[in-house]
Amino acid sequence: MRKKIFVAAAMVAVAIGMQAQGIIINKTDGTFEVFPADEVVSIVTYGYGEEPQPGEGNTLTFNVAGVSFNMVQVEGGTFQMGCDDSDAGSSEQPVHEVTLSSFSIGQTEVTQALWYAVMGQKPTADGEQWTQWSATNGLGNSYPAYGVSWDDCQEFITKLNMLTGKQFRLPTEAEWEFAARGGTKSKGYKYAGSNNIDNVAWYSVNSYDNLYGDPDYGSHEVATMGANELGIYDMSGNVQEWCYDRYGSYNTNKQIDPIGPSTGNSRILRGGCWIAAADNCRATYRSLSSTTNRSTSFGLRLALSEETTGEDVPAEPKAIDLGLPSGTLWADLNIGASSPRATGGYYAFGETEEKATYSWDSYMCSSSQCAYSSDPLKADGILRTENSGSTILQVTGSIAGTKYDVATQTWGEEWVMPTKQQYQELYDNCTRAKVEIAGVQCTEFTGPNGNSIIFPGGGYKENTETKDASYSYCWTAEVNSILRTTEAIVASVSSGGFNPYGANYRYLGIPVRPVKKK
């Protein structure tokens, strides 16, 4: 079992005090590694043949004005969010499937030391410093920063990001619960790290049911209880932790990287606290409050999205075999998308370059006609006519495989825009499930062989007066036809064309999902 060598760690501290420059580790192969003194926290060893314990060694360390804090990297995965046990509240139901991308989350709650390092003072209320940071409720560098509202957290994070150049944020509710449960290393504990709350949490029995003046009353220094499977502390008890999401009821839809409702006055709090009963410290328990409310039990924990290098560029396509009768292979993402979960680029009718915003004046299609205010397309099979000063393009046939096929031009000759028949085959032979991706309703198609693809919406249109938006179109190779749907993609096939509803609508073209043969 892995153990800390406290004697060695103490010697490091002494060496640092004697103004040593750091530590040199000599390896058996004759090489060595140098660690500066200010990066050494402790020395850890483990026995031969043993793997490091879960959660250890996968942390990122940051420093702000001399205050260090750790972020634990959480590998993305799929889990069942919520709880339907007898002790679960109605707000924790129904249990539903959630898939998350990888992210990092604070190993501890934000401490008073870090809050001071960033803000330079205690939290303020109406210009006055919060007076409840006290020995009674827990006072010291290693105690959690409590008495903070959701709005206070946003101000803190904004300043932290300016100091670090990073994009820290509050975790989403789904990220918080996934991390509390132990992520992909979860052992199914009721609390964050144990089925015995006394092993992992400061809660009412050991922190609040005592009288004022008792040394155990109030919040406690972070990381003084046991960690969970990922090496994260105090996700049950100590202080409640603000999440990004507005409060909303659960539903049974599968979700991918959910961010909560788009409207609402209350934000989510998770994790229970030092005045909470054991039931309210469960990993699935939900609480809420106004964004301006402060309490001695309200604190925060940071999150950080997985960083990427360079720009978010489109990804290379992967062909997915869904087991369809025709043998058609569908791309796992739309053209212009950086991942199968992204919506992808938007294209004008029969063009091969992504377009910006379209309006009634610059982009119209109806009943196999397209009107452009710009120069007309010059392609075979298109009859050019004039109508009220606009160029009307009479469209016939298919552009699949031609120089106006955006799939062929982007990904090579093996890829083409799908036909109506291929869309219809997809719809007829696959099961469909609604999936929410970052707040957008999408559709997952699962083929007879169990493989699946996700259509993140489709063409986008917005009413500029009502602000209503919908994702409900997808181009086909037969350029006089567009597919319509009430399920975000391909619920029915129509040859009626693209019919704008009036001058108040604007368009972002329509994305393209290519296909190829085996």
Protein backbone atom coordinates (compact mmCIF):
# COMPACT_ATOMS: atom_id res chain seq x y z
CA MET A 1 0.00 0.00 0.00
CA ARG A 2 1.29 3.44 -0.87
CA LYS A 3 2.59 5.42 2.11
CA LYS A 4 3.89 8.92 2.64
CA ILE A 5 7.44 9.10 4.00
CA PHE A 6 6.88 11.80 6.56
CA VAL A 7 10.54 11.82 7.68
CA ALA A 8 11.69 12.48 4.13
CA ALA A 9 9.02 15.14 3.64
CA ALA A 10 10.12 16.81 6.86
CA MET A 11 13.73 16.75 5.69
CA VAL A 12 12.60 18.46 2.48
CA ALA A 13 10.94 21.16 4.52
CA VAL A 14 14.13 21.63 6.52
CA ALA A 15 16.17 21.78 3.36
CA ILE A 16 13.85 24.39 1.93
CA GLY A 17 14.17 26.37 5.14
CA MET A 18 17.95 26.22 4.71
CA GLN A 19 17.43 27.83 1.28
CA ALA A 20 18.14 24.68 -0.70
CA GLN A 21 17.33 25.01 -4.40
CA GLY A 22 15.39 21.78 -4.65
CA ILE A 23 15.68 18.00 -4.80
CA ILE A 24 17.73 15.81 -7.15
CA ILE A 25 16.52 12.24 -7.63
CA ASN A 26 19.22 9.90 -8.95
CA LYS A 27 17.81 6.95 -10.91
CA THR A 28 19.31 3.46 -11.29
CA ASP A 29 19.87 4.05 -15.02
CA GLY A 30 22.29 6.88 -14.25
CA THR A 31 19.89 9.70 -15.12
CA PHE A 32 18.41 12.16 -12.65
CA GLU A 33 15.49 14.55 -12.24
CA VAL A 34 15.55 17.97 -10.58
CA PHE A 35 12.55 19.35 -8.70
CA PRO A 36 12.61 23.01 -7.53
CA ALA A 37 11.94 23.46 -3.83
CA ASP A 38 8.73 25.41 -4.34
CA GLU A 39 7.22 22.47 -6.29
CA VAL A 40 7.82 19.85 -3.59
CA VAL A 41 4.87 19.18 -1.29
CA SER A 42 5.68 15.66 -0.05
CA ILE A 43 7.52 12.49 -1.03
CA VAL A 44 5.45 9.38 -1.74
CA THR A 45 6.62 5.82 -2.33
CA TYR A 46 4.89 2.52 -3.13
CA GLY A 47 5.99 -1.09 -3.01
CA TYR A 48 7.30 -3.07 -5.97
CA GLY A 49 4.57 -4.64 -8.05
CA GLU A 50 1.93 -2.22 -6.73
CA GLU A 51 0.08 0.30 -8.79
CA PRO A 52 -0.39 3.84 -7.48
CA GLN A 53 -3.69 4.22 -5.66
CA PRO A 54 -6.65 5.61 -7.63
CA GLY A 55 -6.72 9.37 -7.72
CA GLU A 56 -3.06 9.84 -6.86
CA GLY A 57 -0.64 11.27 -9.37
CA ASN A 58 -3.26 12.69 -11.76
CA THR A 59 -3.32 16.23 -10.41
CA LEU A 60 -2.44 19.60 -11.89
CA THR A 61 -0.91 22.15 -9.51
CA PHE A 62 -1.45 25.89 -9.84
CA ASN A 63 0.03 28.77 -7.86
CA VAL A 64 -1.50 32.19 -7.23
CA ALA A 65 0.42 34.75 -5.18
CA GLY A 66 2.24 31.98 -3.35
CA VAL A 67 -0.87 29.88 -2.70
CA SER A 68 -0.91 26.47 -4.39
CA PHE A 69 -3.99 24.41 -5.20
CA ASN A 70 -4.50 21.11 -7.01
CA MET A 71 -6.94 20.11 -9.72
CA VAL A 72 -7.72 16.40 -10.17
CA GLN A 73 -8.06 15.22 -13.76
CA VAL A 74 -11.31 13.31 -14.28
CA GLU A 75 -11.53 10.98 -17.25
CA GLY A 76 -14.80 11.37 -19.12
CA GLY A 77 -17.38 8.62 -19.13
CA THR A 78 -21.03 7.63 -18.90
CA PHE A 79 -22.97 7.19 -15.68
CA GLN A 80 -26.49 6.99 -14.31
CA MET A 81 -27.20 10.38 -12.73
CA GLY A 82 -29.69 10.73 -9.91
CA CYS A 83 -31.10 8.27 -7.39
CA ASP A 84 -34.28 6.24 -7.08
CA ASP A 85 -33.56 4.68 -3.66
CA SER A 86 -36.16 5.00 -0.93
CA ASP A 87 -34.23 7.83 0.74
CA ALA A 88 -33.97 9.87 -2.48
CA GLY A 89 -35.95 13.05 -2.94
CA SER A 90 -38.19 13.69 -5.93
CA SER A 91 -35.67 16.20 -7.31
CA GLU A 92 -33.14 13.36 -7.70
CA GLN A 93 -35.47 11.42 -10.01
CA PRO A 94 -35.71 10.03 -12.59
CA VAL A 95 -32.32 8.38 -12.96
CA HIS A 96 -30.99 9.17 -16.42
CA GLU A 97 -27.91 8.48 -18.53
CA VAL A 98 -25.29 11.22 -18.79
CA THR A 99 -22.06 11.19 -20.79
CA LEU A 100 -19.31 13.66 -19.90
CA SER A 101 -16.13 14.80 -21.58
CA SER A 102 -12.92 14.77 -19.53
CA PHE A 103 -12.38 17.69 -17.15
CA SER A 104 -10.50 18.64 -13.99
CA ILE A 105 -12.00 19.50 -10.61
CA GLY A 106 -10.57 20.94 -7.41
CA GLN A 107 -8.99 18.37 -5.11
CA THR A 108 -10.38 20.46 -2.25
CA GLU A 109 -12.85 23.24 -1.80
CA VAL A 110 -11.45 26.72 -2.45
CA THR A 111 -9.66 27.72 0.75
CA GLN A 112 -9.65 31.02 2.58
CA ALA A 113 -5.96 31.38 1.65
CA LEU A 114 -6.75 31.11 -2.06
CA TRP A 115 -9.70 33.49 -1.75
CA TYR A 116 -7.46 36.08 -0.08
CA ALA A 117 -4.73 35.54 -2.71
CA VAL A 118 -7.18 36.32 -5.51
CA MET A 119 -9.54 38.86 -3.93
CA GLY A 120 -7.31 40.50 -1.32
CA GLN A 121 -10.09 40.47 1.27
CA LYS A 122 -12.94 38.44 2.71
CA PRO A 123 -16.17 38.15 0.74
CA THR A 124 -18.13 41.38 0.85
CA ALA A 125 -21.82 42.05 1.24
CA ASP A 126 -23.05 45.48 0.13
CA GLY A 127 -19.50 46.77 0.31
CA GLU A 128 -18.89 45.41 3.81
CA GLN A 129 -16.60 42.47 4.44
CA TRP A 130 -18.34 39.29 5.51
CA THR A 131 -17.98 39.09 9.27
CA GLN A 132 -18.71 35.40 9.66
CA TRP A 133 -15.19 34.26 8.79
CA SER A 134 -14.49 33.59 12.44
CA ALA A 135 -12.98 31.05 14.80
CA THR A 136 -16.52 29.98 15.64
CA ASN A 137 -17.37 28.94 12.07
CA GLY A 138 -13.84 28.02 11.00
CA LEU A 139 -10.98 30.44 10.42
CA GLY A 140 -7.58 29.85 8.84
CA ASN A 141 -5.72 29.41 5.54
CA SER A 142 -6.77 25.79 5.13
CA TYR A 143 -10.43 26.30 5.98
CA PRO A 144 -12.93 26.53 3.12
CA ALA A 145 -13.93 29.97 1.85
CA TYR A 146 -17.56 30.15 2.95
CA GLY A 147 -20.17 32.87 3.04
CA VAL A 148 -19.98 33.27 -0.74
CA SER A 149 -22.88 33.73 -3.11
CA TRP A 150 -22.99 32.36 -6.66
CA ASP A 151 -22.38 35.89 -7.89
CA ASP A 152 -19.36 36.20 -5.57
CA CYS A 153 -17.98 33.02 -7.11
CA GLN A 154 -18.22 34.50 -10.60
CA GLU A 155 -16.25 37.56 -9.53
CA PHE A 156 -13.63 35.36 -7.85
CA ILE A 157 -13.28 33.15 -10.92
CA THR A 158 -13.00 36.12 -13.27
CA LYS A 159 -10.08 37.51 -11.26
CA LEU A 160 -8.51 34.05 -10.88
CA ASN A 161 -8.56 33.59 -14.66
CA MET A 162 -6.92 36.98 -15.16
CA LEU A 163 -4.14 35.97 -12.77
CA THR A 164 -3.58 32.49 -14.21
CA GLY A 165 -4.47 32.88 -17.88
CA LYS A 166 -6.71 29.79 -17.52
CA GLN A 167 -10.46 29.35 -17.83
CA PHE A 168 -11.50 28.10 -14.42
CA ARG A 169 -15.24 27.86 -13.76
CA LEU A 170 -17.76 26.26 -11.49
CA PRO A 171 -18.40 22.58 -12.26
CA THR A 172 -21.67 21.66 -13.89
CA GLU A 173 -24.01 19.67 -11.70
CA ALA A 174 -23.36 16.53 -13.74
CA GLU A 175 -19.59 16.98 -13.50
CA TRP A 176 -19.88 17.48 -9.76
CA GLU A 177 -21.91 14.31 -9.22
CA PHE A 178 -19.71 12.23 -11.54
CA ALA A 179 -16.58 13.34 -9.66
CA ALA A 180 -18.22 12.82 -6.25
CA ARG A 181 -19.19 9.27 -7.22
CA GLY A 182 -15.57 8.53 -8.17
CA GLY A 183 -15.84 8.95 -11.94
CA THR A 184 -14.82 5.87 -13.90
CA LYS A 185 -13.30 4.41 -10.71
CA SER A 186 -16.60 4.58 -8.80
CA LYS A 187 -17.34 1.84 -6.28
CA GLY A 188 -20.95 2.92 -5.92
CA TYR A 189 -20.65 4.51 -2.49
CA LYS A 190 -23.56 6.41 -0.98
CA TYR A 191 -21.33 9.28 0.07
CA ALA A 192 -18.27 10.67 -1.73
CA GLY A 193 -15.76 7.93 -0.91
CA SER A 194 -17.55 5.65 1.55
CA ASN A 195 -20.83 4.17 2.71
CA ASN A 196 -19.87 5.30 6.21
CA ILE A 197 -20.31 9.06 6.35
CA ASP A 198 -18.04 9.39 9.40
CA ASN A 199 -15.10 8.35 7.23
CA VAL A 200 -15.46 11.15 4.70
CA ALA A 201 -17.59 14.05 5.92
CA TRP A 202 -17.85 16.88 8.41
CA TYR A 203 -21.60 17.03 8.99
CA SER A 204 -24.12 17.80 11.73
CA VAL A 205 -23.22 14.92 14.06
CA ASN A 206 -19.51 15.77 14.29
CA SER A 207 -19.61 19.51 13.57
CA TYR A 208 -22.93 21.15 14.44
CA ASP A 209 -24.62 19.21 17.21
CA ASN A 210 -21.95 20.55 19.58
CA LEU A 211 -22.18 23.84 21.47
CA TYR A 212 -20.45 27.04 20.41
CA GLY A 213 -16.93 26.98 21.72
CA ASP A 214 -16.49 23.27 21.13
CA PRO A 215 -13.39 22.85 18.93
CA ASP A 216 -15.33 20.54 16.63
CA TYR A 217 -18.07 23.12 15.93
CA GLY A 218 -18.17 24.73 12.48
CA SER A 219 -16.40 24.01 9.21
CA HIS A 220 -13.07 22.19 9.26
CA GLU A 221 -9.78 22.40 7.43
CA VAL A 222 -10.05 20.84 3.98
CA ALA A 223 -8.65 17.36 3.28
CA THR A 224 -8.81 16.25 6.92
CA MET A 225 -11.36 13.54 6.17
CA GLY A 226 -10.90 10.59 3.80
CA ALA A 227 -10.77 11.10 0.03
CA ASN A 228 -12.97 9.41 -2.55
CA GLU A 229 -11.87 7.02 -5.31
CA LEU A 230 -10.31 9.88 -7.31
CA GLY A 231 -8.42 11.36 -4.39
CA ILE A 232 -10.89 14.26 -3.97
CA TYR A 233 -11.79 15.54 -0.51
CA ASP A 234 -14.92 16.89 1.19
CA MET A 235 -17.43 16.30 -1.59
CA SER A 236 -19.69 15.16 1.21
CA GLY A 237 -19.99 17.66 4.06
CA ASN A 238 -17.92 20.66 5.21
CA VAL A 239 -19.50 23.32 2.95
CA GLN A 240 -22.11 23.16 0.22
CA GLU A 241 -20.60 23.83 -3.19
CA TRP A 242 -22.07 26.04 -5.89
CA CYS A 243 -22.47 24.51 -9.35
CA TYR A 244 -22.87 26.32 -12.65
CA ASP A 245 -26.38 25.05 -13.46
CA ARG A 246 -29.69 26.69 -12.87
CA TYR A 247 -32.06 24.40 -11.01
CA GLY A 248 -34.33 22.23 -13.14
CA SER A 249 -36.16 18.92 -12.93
CA TYR A 250 -34.60 15.77 -14.35
CA ASN A 251 -36.03 13.87 -17.33
CA THR A 252 -35.31 10.47 -18.87
CA ASN A 253 -33.47 11.77 -21.94
CA LYS A 254 -29.88 10.76 -22.47
CA GLN A 255 -27.63 13.78 -22.05
CA ILE A 256 -24.12 14.68 -23.19
CA ASP A 257 -22.23 17.40 -21.29
CA PRO A 258 -25.45 18.96 -19.92
CA ILE A 259 -25.31 22.52 -18.62
CA GLY A 260 -28.76 22.78 -17.04
CA PRO A 261 -31.80 24.87 -18.00
CA SER A 262 -31.34 28.15 -19.91
CA THR A 263 -33.68 30.06 -17.59
CA GLY A 264 -34.36 30.17 -13.87
CA ASN A 265 -33.51 32.26 -10.82
CA SER A 266 -31.89 29.59 -8.64
CA ARG A 267 -28.55 27.82 -8.96
CA ILE A 268 -27.55 24.36 -7.75
CA LEU A 269 -25.66 23.60 -4.54
CA ARG A 270 -24.19 20.15 -3.93
CA GLY A 271 -22.44 18.10 -1.26
CA GLY A 272 -24.13 18.86 2.03
CA CYS A 273 -22.30 20.77 4.74
CA TRP A 274 -21.23 20.88 8.39
CA ILE A 275 -24.76 21.70 9.57
CA ALA A 276 -26.47 19.12 7.34
CA ALA A 277 -27.92 15.74 8.26
CA ALA A 278 -26.28 12.64 6.78
CA ASP A 279 -29.04 12.21 4.17
CA ASN A 280 -28.27 15.65 2.76
CA CYS A 281 -24.61 14.73 2.22
CA ARG A 282 -25.28 11.91 -0.23
CA ALA A 283 -23.53 12.15 -3.61
CA THR A 284 -26.86 12.55 -5.42
CA TYR A 285 -28.53 15.05 -3.06
CA ARG A 286 -29.56 18.37 -4.67
CA SER A 287 -30.06 21.78 -3.14
CA LEU A 288 -30.64 25.24 -4.59
CA SER A 289 -30.52 28.92 -3.71
CA SER A 290 -30.70 32.38 -5.20
CA THR A 291 -27.48 33.61 -6.79
CA THR A 292 -27.22 36.44 -4.24
CA ASN A 293 -27.64 34.35 -1.09
CA ARG A 294 -24.72 33.89 1.31
CA SER A 295 -24.40 31.45 4.17
CA THR A 296 -21.73 30.10 6.49
CA SER A 297 -22.38 26.77 4.75
CA PHE A 298 -21.97 28.01 1.13
CA GLY A 299 -18.59 27.52 -0.56
CA LEU A 300 -17.18 26.50 -3.93
CA ARG A 301 -14.95 24.08 -5.80
CA LEU A 302 -13.27 24.91 -9.11
CA ALA A 303 -13.51 23.10 -12.43
CA LEU A 304 -11.41 23.32 -15.56
CA SER A 305 -12.27 21.96 -18.99
CA GLU A 306 -9.79 19.64 -20.64
CA GLU A 307 -7.37 21.88 -22.49
CA THR A 308 -6.70 21.47 -26.20
CA THR A 309 -3.73 22.69 -28.20
CA GLY A 310 -4.26 25.13 -31.02
CA GLU A 311 -7.59 26.02 -32.57
CA ASP A 312 -10.66 23.85 -32.40
CA VAL A 313 -10.22 22.52 -35.93
CA PRO A 314 -12.53 20.11 -37.73
CA ALA A 315 -11.82 16.46 -37.06
CA GLU A 316 -11.13 13.68 -39.53
CA PRO A 317 -14.25 11.60 -40.21
CA LYS A 318 -14.74 8.06 -39.02
CA ALA A 319 -17.01 5.76 -41.01
CA ILE A 320 -19.64 4.06 -38.84
CA ASP A 321 -21.22 0.78 -39.95
CA LEU A 322 -24.76 0.72 -38.59
CA GLY A 323 -25.61 -2.63 -40.17
CA LEU A 324 -27.91 -1.10 -42.80
CA PRO A 325 -29.23 -3.25 -45.69
CA SER A 326 -27.55 -1.12 -48.37
CA GLY A 327 -24.16 -1.28 -46.66
CA THR A 328 -24.01 2.51 -46.44
CA LEU A 329 -21.45 3.83 -43.96
CA TRP A 330 -22.29 7.12 -42.26
CA ALA A 331 -19.70 9.65 -41.12
CA ASP A 332 -19.58 10.05 -37.36
CA LEU A 333 -19.74 13.85 -37.63
CA ASN A 334 -20.97 16.64 -39.85
CA ILE A 335 -18.53 18.49 -42.09
CA GLY A 336 -16.91 21.32 -40.17
CA ALA A 337 -17.42 19.70 -36.78
CA SER A 338 -14.55 19.20 -34.34
CA SER A 339 -16.16 16.11 -32.81
CA PRO A 340 -19.24 13.90 -33.31
CA ARG A 341 -20.98 16.01 -30.66
CA ALA A 342 -20.49 19.33 -32.47
CA THR A 343 -23.09 20.66 -34.90
CA GLY A 344 -20.66 21.27 -37.74
CA GLY A 345 -20.41 23.85 -40.50
CA TYR A 346 -23.31 25.45 -42.33
CA TYR A 347 -23.53 25.56 -46.12
CA ALA A 348 -25.67 27.35 -48.66
CA PHE A 349 -27.67 25.44 -51.21
CA GLY A 350 -25.30 23.43 -53.39
CA GLU A 351 -22.17 25.33 -52.36
CA THR A 352 -18.89 23.99 -51.03
CA GLU A 353 -17.86 26.81 -48.70
CA GLU A 354 -19.26 27.36 -45.24
CA LYS A 355 -21.46 30.44 -44.99
CA ALA A 356 -22.21 32.95 -42.27
CA THR A 357 -25.70 34.23 -41.43
CA TYR A 358 -28.39 34.19 -44.09
CA SER A 359 -31.51 36.31 -44.21
CA TRP A 360 -34.53 36.59 -46.48
CA ASP A 361 -32.65 39.09 -48.65
CA SER A 362 -29.60 36.90 -49.24
CA TYR A 363 -30.79 33.30 -49.10
CA MET A 364 -34.10 31.83 -50.26
CA CYS A 365 -35.15 28.38 -51.40
CA SER A 366 -38.62 27.05 -52.09
CA SER A 367 -40.14 24.40 -54.33
CA SER A 368 -36.86 23.56 -56.09
CA GLN A 369 -35.88 27.22 -56.47
CA CYS A 370 -33.03 29.10 -54.83
CA ALA A 371 -32.50 32.85 -54.94
CA TYR A 372 -29.17 34.51 -54.21
CA SER A 373 -28.38 38.21 -54.08
CA SER A 374 -24.81 37.31 -55.09
CA ASP A 375 -23.57 35.84 -58.34
CA PRO A 376 -25.38 32.67 -59.40
CA LEU A 377 -23.78 29.25 -59.21
CA LYS A 378 -22.27 28.12 -62.44
CA ALA A 379 -22.94 24.38 -62.48
CA ASP A 380 -24.32 21.89 -64.93
CA GLY A 381 -27.95 20.96 -64.43
CA ILE A 382 -28.99 24.39 -63.16
CA LEU A 383 -31.43 26.53 -65.12
CA ARG A 384 -30.89 30.25 -64.53
CA THR A 385 -33.86 32.63 -64.65
CA GLU A 386 -34.62 36.10 -63.36
CA ASN A 387 -37.32 37.06 -60.87
CA SER A 388 -37.81 40.52 -59.30
CA GLY A 389 -34.14 41.36 -59.65
CA SER A 390 -32.94 38.19 -57.94
CA THR A 391 -31.25 35.30 -59.65
CA ILE A 392 -33.45 32.22 -59.48
CA LEU A 393 -31.60 28.94 -59.77
CA GLN A 394 -33.75 26.09 -61.03
CA VAL A 395 -32.16 23.00 -59.50
CA THR A 396 -32.41 19.51 -60.93
CA GLY A 397 -30.71 16.18 -60.43
CA SER A 398 -28.03 15.43 -57.85
CA ILE A 399 -24.77 17.11 -56.89
CA ALA A 400 -23.34 13.97 -55.24
CA GLY A 401 -19.77 13.47 -56.39
CA THR A 402 -19.63 16.73 -58.36
CA LYS A 403 -17.47 19.78 -57.74
CA TYR A 404 -20.44 21.25 -55.85
CA ASP A 405 -20.64 18.34 -53.45
CA VAL A 406 -19.18 19.72 -50.23
CA ALA A 407 -18.59 16.17 -48.90
CA THR A 408 -16.49 15.17 -51.90
CA GLN A 409 -14.59 18.43 -51.92
CA THR A 410 -13.86 18.32 -48.18
CA TRP A 411 -13.12 14.67 -47.47
CA GLY A 412 -12.26 13.18 -50.86
CA GLU A 413 -14.01 11.23 -53.58
CA GLU A 414 -15.12 8.35 -51.36
CA TRP A 415 -17.44 10.66 -49.42
CA VAL A 416 -20.66 12.08 -50.88
CA MET A 417 -23.76 13.86 -49.64
CA PRO A 418 -26.48 11.32 -48.75
CA THR A 419 -29.55 10.78 -50.88
CA LYS A 420 -33.11 10.92 -49.64
CA GLN A 421 -33.24 7.14 -49.89
CA GLN A 422 -30.21 6.78 -47.64
CA TYR A 423 -31.79 9.07 -45.05
CA GLN A 424 -35.01 7.10 -45.30
CA GLU A 425 -33.10 3.82 -44.80
CA LEU A 426 -31.48 5.30 -41.72
CA TYR A 427 -34.86 6.30 -40.34
CA ASP A 428 -36.54 2.97 -41.20
CA ASN A 429 -33.86 0.65 -39.81
CA CYS A 430 -32.53 2.47 -36.73
CA THR A 431 -33.96 3.11 -33.31
CA ARG A 432 -33.97 6.76 -32.26
CA ALA A 433 -33.45 8.42 -28.91
CA LYS A 434 -33.45 12.07 -27.98
CA VAL A 435 -30.13 13.25 -26.60
CA GLU A 436 -29.30 16.61 -25.07
CA ILE A 437 -25.85 17.99 -25.91
CA ALA A 438 -24.86 21.17 -24.07
CA GLY A 439 -28.50 22.25 -24.00
CA VAL A 440 -29.31 21.34 -27.63
CA GLN A 441 -31.82 18.57 -28.32
CA CYS A 442 -30.28 16.05 -30.74
CA THR A 443 -31.04 12.53 -31.94
CA GLU A 444 -29.05 9.34 -31.55
CA PHE A 445 -29.61 6.69 -34.26
CA THR A 446 -28.72 3.12 -33.29
CA GLY A 447 -28.45 0.58 -36.09
CA PRO A 448 -29.40 -3.12 -36.13
CA ASN A 449 -25.84 -4.07 -35.11
CA GLY A 450 -25.83 -1.79 -32.05
CA ASN A 451 -23.54 0.91 -33.45
CA SER A 452 -24.83 4.47 -33.26
CA ILE A 453 -24.29 8.01 -34.50
CA ILE A 454 -25.49 11.33 -33.10
CA PHE A 455 -27.04 14.08 -35.19
CA PRO A 456 -26.45 17.29 -33.22
CA GLY A 457 -29.41 19.26 -34.40
CA GLY A 458 -29.31 20.15 -38.05
CA GLY A 459 -29.79 23.37 -40.00
CA TYR A 460 -30.36 26.35 -37.72
CA LYS A 461 -33.02 29.01 -38.08
CA GLU A 462 -33.98 31.76 -35.69
CA ASN A 463 -36.88 34.18 -35.50
CA THR A 464 -35.23 37.51 -34.83
CA GLU A 465 -38.34 38.88 -33.13
CA THR A 466 -39.31 36.01 -30.83
CA LYS A 467 -35.77 34.58 -30.51
CA ASP A 468 -37.19 31.11 -31.07
CA ALA A 469 -34.66 28.80 -32.65
CA SER A 470 -34.85 25.31 -34.07
CA TYR A 471 -32.54 22.71 -35.54
CA SER A 472 -34.53 20.81 -38.09
CA TYR A 473 -32.98 20.46 -41.53
CA CYS A 474 -30.28 18.49 -43.34
CA TRP A 475 -29.12 18.69 -46.98
CA THR A 476 -29.45 15.75 -49.33
CA ALA A 477 -27.66 15.01 -52.59
CA GLU A 478 -30.91 15.79 -54.46
CA VAL A 479 -30.51 19.52 -54.18
CA ASN A 480 -34.15 20.30 -54.77
CA SER A 481 -35.07 18.51 -51.54
CA ILE A 482 -34.49 19.05 -47.85
CA LEU A 483 -35.42 16.70 -45.05
CA ARG A 484 -37.57 17.91 -42.20
CA THR A 485 -38.03 16.59 -38.71
CA THR A 486 -39.55 17.10 -35.30
CA GLU A 487 -36.77 15.07 -33.68
CA ALA A 488 -33.85 17.28 -34.71
CA ILE A 489 -33.09 15.17 -37.78
CA VAL A 490 -34.89 13.11 -40.40
CA ALA A 491 -38.32 12.20 -39.08
CA SER A 492 -39.83 12.39 -42.54
CA VAL A 493 -38.83 13.00 -46.14
CA SER A 494 -40.25 15.93 -48.07
CA SER A 495 -39.63 17.14 -51.61
CA GLY A 496 -41.16 20.52 -50.96
CA GLY A 497 -37.87 22.32 -50.58
CA PHE A 498 -36.75 24.90 -48.08
CA ASN A 499 -39.48 27.41 -47.32
CA PRO A 500 -38.54 30.51 -45.34
CA TYR A 501 -41.35 31.71 -43.13
CA GLY A 502 -40.86 35.44 -43.53
CA ALA A 503 -38.50 38.36 -43.23
CA ASN A 504 -38.04 37.86 -39.48
CA TYR A 505 -36.16 34.59 -39.97
CA ARG A 506 -32.43 34.27 -40.44
CA TYR A 507 -30.54 31.14 -41.41
CA LEU A 508 -27.14 29.62 -40.88
CA GLY A 509 -27.36 27.33 -43.85
CA ILE A 510 -27.60 23.58 -43.31
CA PRO A 511 -24.95 21.08 -42.16
CA VAL A 512 -23.85 18.07 -44.23
CA ARG A 513 -23.49 14.50 -42.93
CA PRO A 514 -21.64 12.51 -45.65
CA VAL A 515 -21.86 8.80 -46.46
CA LYS A 516 -19.75 6.24 -48.31
CA LYS A 517 -19.98 2.60 -49.34
CA LYS A 518 -18.15 -0.27 -47.69
